[in-house]
């Protein structure tokens, strides 16, 4: 089944939020909107635009030594690091730069850092960047991993978010459900009202994209 995608521009930038309404399953929940962040994560012009939006909150008040990229946001993270250093952002790590790292996932979905990467986390102020924050499950795992490896979470930011905070940290985002998708829903599968109403799943979605079903 073809999913009808819609676009919503951001009034403060050239970015557009691409989304579809329906019944979707993630690895953690069922949702009624699929948000497609593929272009923002992988198209350089959009990644640069997203980076400019996301660094505004941090460029004058937050020490950032490392950006931890979740959900395939490495391009955006690199653009954020470039933007922060371009504007003369000051940090306290000994190399006077910003590390951009991504974690390794174990088969049990735990996040780990190898010995060559962990020094970029230990004793560093780590900004956690996600593509989206809805259930907060992935970001919470990132926060726990940073703390376990001796880092200090400096904040949480995302391209899209349906929550204002995660694990006690405010979530800064470009798009959120305060002004759009006010009926946005994320529920566990056994509490999903769409399932209870007999509505079939339209697709399975994750950070890599969408796989649709052929519903009769």
C-alpha atoms as a PDB file:
ATOM      1  CA  UNK A   1       0.000   0.000   0.000  1.00  0.00           C
ATOM      2  CA  UNK A   2       1.353   3.438  -0.942  1.00  0.00           C
ATOM      3  CA  UNK A   3       1.734   5.789   1.997  1.00  0.00           C
ATOM      4  CA  UNK A   4       0.675   9.356   1.233  1.00  0.00           C
ATOM      5  CA  UNK A   5       3.411  11.676   2.448  1.00  0.00           C
ATOM      6  CA  UNK A   6       2.708  15.291   3.350  1.00  0.00           C
ATOM      7  CA  UNK A   7       5.074  18.202   3.929  1.00  0.00           C
ATOM      8  CA  UNK A   8       5.018  20.921   6.546  1.00  0.00           C
ATOM      9  CA  UNK A   9       7.540  23.787   6.322  1.00  0.00           C
ATOM     10  CA  UNK A  10       9.357  25.160   9.330  1.00  0.00           C
ATOM     11  CA  UNK A  11       8.675  28.923   9.588  1.00  0.00           C
ATOM     12  CA  UNK A  12      12.216  29.623  10.844  1.00  0.00           C
ATOM     13  CA  UNK A  13      14.176  27.715   8.212  1.00  0.00           C
ATOM     14  CA  UNK A  14      14.106  26.060   4.794  1.00  0.00           C
ATOM     15  CA  UNK A  15      13.437  22.674   6.367  1.00  0.00           C
ATOM     16  CA  UNK A  16      10.273  20.677   5.754  1.00  0.00           C
ATOM     17  CA  UNK A  17       8.780  17.976   7.932  1.00  0.00           C
ATOM     18  CA  UNK A  18       7.701  14.995   5.833  1.00  0.00           C
ATOM     19  CA  UNK A  19       5.078  12.820   7.448  1.00  0.00           C
ATOM     20  CA  UNK A  20       2.172  10.461   6.892  1.00  0.00           C
ATOM     21  CA  UNK A  21      -0.856   9.617   8.992  1.00  0.00           C
ATOM     22  CA  UNK A  22      -1.803   5.981   9.591  1.00  0.00           C
ATOM     23  CA  UNK A  23      -1.147   3.002  11.877  1.00  0.00           C
ATOM     24  CA  UNK A  24       2.538   2.204  12.249  1.00  0.00           C
ATOM     25  CA  UNK A  25       4.608  -0.113  14.408  1.00  0.00           C
ATOM     26  CA  UNK A  26       8.059   0.697  15.767  1.00  0.00           C
ATOM     27  CA  UNK A  27      10.248  -1.613  17.817  1.00  0.00           C
ATOM     28  CA  UNK A  28       8.901  -0.031  20.999  1.00  0.00           C
ATOM     29  CA  UNK A  29       5.366   1.170  20.271  1.00  0.00           C
ATOM     30  CA  UNK A  30       2.525   1.833  17.863  1.00  0.00           C
ATOM     31  CA  UNK A  31       2.167   5.354  16.468  1.00  0.00           C
ATOM     32  CA  UNK A  32      -0.379   7.175  14.312  1.00  0.00           C
ATOM     33  CA  UNK A  33       2.118   9.332  12.399  1.00  0.00           C
ATOM     34  CA  UNK A  34       5.236   8.311  10.508  1.00  0.00           C
ATOM     35  CA  UNK A  35       7.825  11.085  10.330  1.00  0.00           C
ATOM     36  CA  UNK A  36      10.333  10.645   7.497  1.00  0.00           C
ATOM     37  CA  UNK A  37      13.632  12.346   8.392  1.00  0.00           C
ATOM     38  CA  UNK A  38      15.675  10.658   5.673  1.00  0.00           C
ATOM     39  CA  UNK A  39      16.416  13.784   3.647  1.00  0.00           C
ATOM     40  CA  UNK A  40      17.327  15.850   6.702  1.00  0.00           C
ATOM     41  CA  UNK A  41      19.719  13.168   7.922  1.00  0.00           C
ATOM     42  CA  UNK A  42      21.401  12.412   4.601  1.00  0.00           C
ATOM     43  CA  UNK A  43      21.074  15.454   2.332  1.00  0.00           C
ATOM     44  CA  UNK A  44      23.914  17.852   3.121  1.00  0.00           C
ATOM     45  CA  UNK A  45      21.987  21.060   2.482  1.00  0.00           C
ATOM     46  CA  UNK A  46      19.199  20.008   4.844  1.00  0.00           C
ATOM     47  CA  UNK A  47      21.636  18.657   7.432  1.00  0.00           C
ATOM     48  CA  UNK A  48      23.418  22.009   7.493  1.00  0.00           C
ATOM     49  CA  UNK A  49      20.109  23.824   7.913  1.00  0.00           C
ATOM     50  CA  UNK A  50      19.079  21.502  10.743  1.00  0.00           C
ATOM     51  CA  UNK A  51      22.444  21.985  12.440  1.00  0.00           C
ATOM     52  CA  UNK A  52      22.054  25.771  12.418  1.00  0.00           C
ATOM     53  CA  UNK A  53      18.654  25.444  14.073  1.00  0.00           C
ATOM     54  CA  UNK A  54      19.814  22.961  16.695  1.00  0.00           C
ATOM     55  CA  UNK A  55      22.968  24.787  17.830  1.00  0.00           C
ATOM     56  CA  UNK A  56      21.176  28.028  18.655  1.00  0.00           C
ATOM     57  CA  UNK A  57      20.358  26.886  22.164  1.00  0.00           C
ATOM     58  CA  UNK A  58      23.883  25.710  22.902  1.00  0.00           C
ATOM     59  CA  UNK A  59      26.224  28.172  21.212  1.00  0.00           C
ATOM     60  CA  UNK A  60      26.505  30.584  24.152  1.00  0.00           C
ATOM     61  CA  UNK A  61      25.565  28.687  27.291  1.00  0.00           C
ATOM     62  CA  UNK A  62      26.532  25.011  27.093  1.00  0.00           C
ATOM     63  CA  UNK A  63      29.939  23.346  27.128  1.00  0.00           C
ATOM     64  CA  UNK A  64      30.044  20.615  24.487  1.00  0.00           C
ATOM     65  CA  UNK A  65      33.054  18.388  23.978  1.00  0.00           C
ATOM     66  CA  UNK A  66      31.325  15.521  22.142  1.00  0.00           C
ATOM     67  CA  UNK A  67      28.180  15.027  20.090  1.00  0.00           C
ATOM     68  CA  UNK A  68      26.711  11.534  20.408  1.00  0.00           C
ATOM     69  CA  UNK A  69      24.750  10.760  17.236  1.00  0.00           C
ATOM     70  CA  UNK A  70      21.817   8.349  17.471  1.00  0.00           C
ATOM     71  CA  UNK A  71      19.419   7.176  14.735  1.00  0.00           C
ATOM     72  CA  UNK A  72      21.853   7.782  11.875  1.00  0.00           C
ATOM     73  CA  UNK A  73      22.320  11.506  12.556  1.00  0.00           C
ATOM     74  CA  UNK A  74      26.084  11.564  11.951  1.00  0.00           C
ATOM     75  CA  UNK A  75      25.859  14.056   9.060  1.00  0.00           C
ATOM     76  CA  UNK A  76      23.774  16.470  11.141  1.00  0.00           C
ATOM     77  CA  UNK A  77      26.113  15.959  14.096  1.00  0.00           C
ATOM     78  CA  UNK A  78      29.184  16.760  11.995  1.00  0.00           C
ATOM     79  CA  UNK A  79      27.466  19.890  10.676  1.00  0.00           C
ATOM     80  CA  UNK A  80      26.621  20.909  14.245  1.00  0.00           C
ATOM     81  CA  UNK A  81      30.238  20.499  15.305  1.00  0.00           C
ATOM     82  CA  UNK A  82      31.361  22.540  12.307  1.00  0.00           C
ATOM     83  CA  UNK A  83      28.814  25.248  13.038  1.00  0.00           C
ATOM     84  CA  UNK A  84      29.769  25.472  16.713  1.00  0.00           C
ATOM     85  CA  UNK A  85      33.468  25.761  15.962  1.00  0.00           C
ATOM     86  CA  UNK A  86      32.843  28.187  13.091  1.00  0.00           C
ATOM     87  CA  UNK A  87      31.111  30.690  15.353  1.00  0.00           C
ATOM     88  CA  UNK A  88      33.956  30.607  17.841  1.00  0.00           C
ATOM     89  CA  UNK A  89      32.290  28.249  20.290  1.00  0.00           C
ATOM     90  CA  UNK A  90      34.540  27.554  23.281  1.00  0.00           C
ATOM     91  CA  UNK A  91      34.914  24.119  24.803  1.00  0.00           C
ATOM     92  CA  UNK A  92      37.270  22.743  27.414  1.00  0.00           C
ATOM     93  CA  UNK A  93      38.671  19.519  25.946  1.00  0.00           C
ATOM     94  CA  UNK A  94      42.396  19.488  25.491  1.00  0.00           C
ATOM     95  CA  UNK A  95      42.284  19.376  21.691  1.00  0.00           C
ATOM     96  CA  UNK A  96      40.017  22.452  21.457  1.00  0.00           C
ATOM     97  CA  UNK A  97      37.627  20.682  19.116  1.00  0.00           C
ATOM     98  CA  UNK A  98      34.390  18.681  19.188  1.00  0.00           C
ATOM     99  CA  UNK A  99      34.212  14.916  18.798  1.00  0.00           C
ATOM    100  CA  UNK A 100      31.372  13.383  16.768  1.00  0.00           C
ATOM    101  CA  UNK A 101      30.724   9.759  17.685  1.00  0.00           C
ATOM    102  CA  UNK A 102      28.107   7.062  17.229  1.00  0.00           C
ATOM    103  CA  UNK A 103      27.594   4.094  19.569  1.00  0.00           C
ATOM    104  CA  UNK A 104      27.749   0.411  18.810  1.00  0.00           C
ATOM    105  CA  UNK A 105      24.616  -1.626  19.524  1.00  0.00           C
ATOM    106  CA  UNK A 106      24.820  -5.053  21.112  1.00  0.00           C
ATOM    107  CA  UNK A 107      22.324  -7.801  20.275  1.00  0.00           C
ATOM    108  CA  UNK A 108      20.482  -6.825  23.460  1.00  0.00           C
ATOM    109  CA  UNK A 109      20.159  -3.211  22.221  1.00  0.00           C
ATOM    110  CA  UNK A 110      22.682  -1.921  24.743  1.00  0.00           C
ATOM    111  CA  UNK A 111      24.974   0.895  23.636  1.00  0.00           C
ATOM    112  CA  UNK A 112      28.725   0.413  23.976  1.00  0.00           C
ATOM    113  CA  UNK A 113      31.893   2.300  23.058  1.00  0.00           C
ATOM    114  CA  UNK A 114      35.128   0.522  22.192  1.00  0.00           C
ATOM    115  CA  UNK A 115      38.440   1.441  23.807  1.00  0.00           C
ATOM    116  CA  UNK A 116      39.390   3.758  20.942  1.00  0.00           C
ATOM    117  CA  UNK A 117      36.115   5.712  21.225  1.00  0.00           C
ATOM    118  CA  UNK A 118      35.447   5.704  24.984  1.00  0.00           C
ATOM    119  CA  UNK A 119      38.060   8.452  25.703  1.00  0.00           C
ATOM    120  CA  UNK A 120      35.849  10.761  23.633  1.00  0.00           C
ATOM    121  CA  UNK A 121      33.078  10.132  26.196  1.00  0.00           C
ATOM    122  CA  UNK A 122      34.920   9.862  29.517  1.00  0.00           C
ATOM    123  CA  UNK A 123      35.160  13.199  31.373  1.00  0.00           C
ATOM    124  CA  UNK A 124      33.502  14.952  28.448  1.00  0.00           C
ATOM    125  CA  UNK A 125      30.344  17.051  28.184  1.00  0.00           C
ATOM    126  CA  UNK A 126      28.289  15.033  25.714  1.00  0.00           C
ATOM    127  CA  UNK A 127      25.356  16.432  23.725  1.00  0.00           C
ATOM    128  CA  UNK A 128      22.970  13.666  22.676  1.00  0.00           C
ATOM    129  CA  UNK A 129      21.514  14.080  19.186  1.00  0.00           C
ATOM    130  CA  UNK A 130      18.604  11.946  17.951  1.00  0.00           C
ATOM    131  CA  UNK A 131      16.539  11.992  14.793  1.00  0.00           C
ATOM    132  CA  UNK A 132      13.336  11.821  16.829  1.00  0.00           C
ATOM    133  CA  UNK A 133      12.335  11.502  20.467  1.00  0.00           C
ATOM    134  CA  UNK A 134       8.912   9.915  21.009  1.00  0.00           C
ATOM    135  CA  UNK A 135       9.007   7.125  23.576  1.00  0.00           C
ATOM    136  CA  UNK A 136      12.449   8.303  24.712  1.00  0.00           C
ATOM    137  CA  UNK A 137      13.696   4.727  24.862  1.00  0.00           C
ATOM    138  CA  UNK A 138      16.689   5.240  22.570  1.00  0.00           C
ATOM    139  CA  UNK A 139      17.745   8.558  24.088  1.00  0.00           C
ATOM    140  CA  UNK A 140      17.502   7.180  27.605  1.00  0.00           C
ATOM    141  CA  UNK A 141      19.844   4.390  26.522  1.00  0.00           C
ATOM    142  CA  UNK A 142      22.238   7.023  25.216  1.00  0.00           C
ATOM    143  CA  UNK A 143      22.157   8.950  28.483  1.00  0.00           C
ATOM    144  CA  UNK A 144      22.810   5.794  30.481  1.00  0.00           C
ATOM    145  CA  UNK A 145      25.711   4.827  28.206  1.00  0.00           C
ATOM    146  CA  UNK A 146      27.323   8.257  28.507  1.00  0.00           C
ATOM    147  CA  UNK A 147      27.126   8.100  32.285  1.00  0.00           C
ATOM    148  CA  UNK A 148      28.424   4.526  32.378  1.00  0.00           C
ATOM    149  CA  UNK A 149      31.513   5.509  30.388  1.00  0.00           C
ATOM    150  CA  UNK A 150      32.191   8.472  32.651  1.00  0.00           C
ATOM    151  CA  UNK A 151      30.722  11.270  30.558  1.00  0.00           C
ATOM    152  CA  UNK A 152      28.398  14.095  31.540  1.00  0.00           C
ATOM    153  CA  UNK A 153      25.230  14.467  29.407  1.00  0.00           C
ATOM    154  CA  UNK A 154      25.133  18.117  28.342  1.00  0.00           C
ATOM    155  CA  UNK A 155      21.662  18.015  26.792  1.00  0.00           C
ATOM    156  CA  UNK A 156      19.288  16.276  24.395  1.00  0.00           C
ATOM    157  CA  UNK A 157      18.285  17.559  20.969  1.00  0.00           C
ATOM    158  CA  UNK A 158      16.376  16.109  18.035  1.00  0.00           C
ATOM    159  CA  UNK A 159      14.992  16.999  14.647  1.00  0.00           C
ATOM    160  CA  UNK A 160      11.511  15.906  15.753  1.00  0.00           C
ATOM    161  CA  UNK A 161      10.117  15.307  19.241  1.00  0.00           C
ATOM    162  CA  UNK A 162       6.767  14.536  20.794  1.00  0.00           C
ATOM    163  CA  UNK A 163       7.989  15.106  24.368  1.00  0.00           C
ATOM    164  CA  UNK A 164       9.489  18.088  26.191  1.00  0.00           C
ATOM    165  CA  UNK A 165      11.860  16.117  28.380  1.00  0.00           C
ATOM    166  CA  UNK A 166      13.540  12.747  28.551  1.00  0.00           C
ATOM    167  CA  UNK A 167      15.178  11.199  31.625  1.00  0.00           C
ATOM    168  CA  UNK A 168      15.087  14.586  33.329  1.00  0.00           C
ATOM    169  CA  UNK A 169      16.679  16.500  30.435  1.00  0.00           C
ATOM    170  CA  UNK A 170      14.808  19.092  28.344  1.00  0.00           C
ATOM    171  CA  UNK A 171      14.493  18.049  24.706  1.00  0.00           C
ATOM    172  CA  UNK A 172      15.321  20.755  22.167  1.00  0.00           C
ATOM    173  CA  UNK A 173      13.867  20.094  18.709  1.00  0.00           C
ATOM    174  CA  UNK A 174      13.183  21.745  15.367  1.00  0.00           C
ATOM    175  CA  UNK A 175       9.733  20.186  14.945  1.00  0.00           C
ATOM    176  CA  UNK A 176       7.447  19.052  17.761  1.00  0.00           C
ATOM    177  CA  UNK A 177       3.838  18.136  18.370  1.00  0.00           C
ATOM    178  CA  UNK A 178       2.932  21.306  20.271  1.00  0.00           C
ATOM    179  CA  UNK A 179       1.990  23.060  17.058  1.00  0.00           C
ATOM    180  CA  UNK A 180       1.569  20.166  14.653  1.00  0.00           C
ATOM    181  CA  UNK A 181       0.180  16.656  14.978  1.00  0.00           C
ATOM    182  CA  UNK A 182      -1.527  17.556  18.233  1.00  0.00           C
ATOM    183  CA  UNK A 183      -3.264  14.174  18.135  1.00  0.00           C
ATOM    184  CA  UNK A 184       0.099  12.385  17.856  1.00  0.00           C
ATOM    185  CA  UNK A 185      -0.075   9.064  19.689  1.00  0.00           C
ATOM    186  CA  UNK A 186       2.506   6.553  20.840  1.00  0.00           C
ATOM    187  CA  UNK A 187       1.245   3.507  22.725  1.00  0.00           C
ATOM    188  CA  UNK A 188       2.433   0.032  23.556  1.00  0.00           C
ATOM    189  CA  UNK A 189       0.922  -2.491  21.164  1.00  0.00           C
ATOM    190  CA  UNK A 190      -1.455  -3.952  23.787  1.00  0.00           C
ATOM    191  CA  UNK A 191      -2.751  -0.442  24.642  1.00  0.00           C
ATOM    192  CA  UNK A 192      -3.036   0.804  21.052  1.00  0.00           C
ATOM    193  CA  UNK A 193      -6.551   2.158  20.370  1.00  0.00           C
ATOM    194  CA  UNK A 194      -6.114   1.589  16.627  1.00  0.00           C
ATOM    195  CA  UNK A 195      -5.473  -2.105  17.236  1.00  0.00           C
ATOM    196  CA  UNK A 196      -8.481  -2.283  19.546  1.00  0.00           C
ATOM    197  CA  UNK A 197     -10.589  -0.672  16.824  1.00  0.00           C
ATOM    198  CA  UNK A 198      -9.471  -3.368  14.366  1.00  0.00           C
ATOM    199  CA  UNK A 199      -7.404  -1.054  12.179  1.00  0.00           C
ATOM    200  CA  UNK A 200      -4.625  -2.973  10.454  1.00  0.00           C
ATOM    201  CA  UNK A 201      -1.035  -1.820  10.492  1.00  0.00           C
ATOM    202  CA  UNK A 202       0.000   0.214   7.463  1.00  0.00           C
ATOM    203  CA  UNK A 203       3.726  -0.280   7.907  1.00  0.00           C
ATOM    204  CA  UNK A 204       6.665  -1.079  10.143  1.00  0.00           C
ATOM    205  CA  UNK A 205       8.960   1.906  10.661  1.00  0.00           C
ATOM    206  CA  UNK A 206      12.347   2.470  12.220  1.00  0.00           C
ATOM    207  CA  UNK A 207      15.339   4.774  11.902  1.00  0.00           C
ATOM    208  CA  UNK A 208      16.169   3.284   8.492  1.00  0.00           C
ATOM    209  CA  UNK A 209      12.762   3.934   6.937  1.00  0.00           C
ATOM    210  CA  UNK A 210       9.416   2.322   6.267  1.00  0.00           C
ATOM    211  CA  UNK A 211       8.178  -1.101   5.102  1.00  0.00           C
ATOM    212  CA  UNK A 212       4.540  -1.061   4.069  1.00  0.00           C
ATOM    213  CA  UNK A 213       1.962  -3.843   4.169  1.00  0.00           C
ATOM    214  CA  UNK A 214      -0.509  -4.821   1.466  1.00  0.00           C
ATOM    215  CA  UNK A 215      -3.786  -4.471   3.342  1.00  0.00           C
ATOM    216  CA  UNK A 216      -7.058  -5.581   1.751  1.00  0.00           C
END
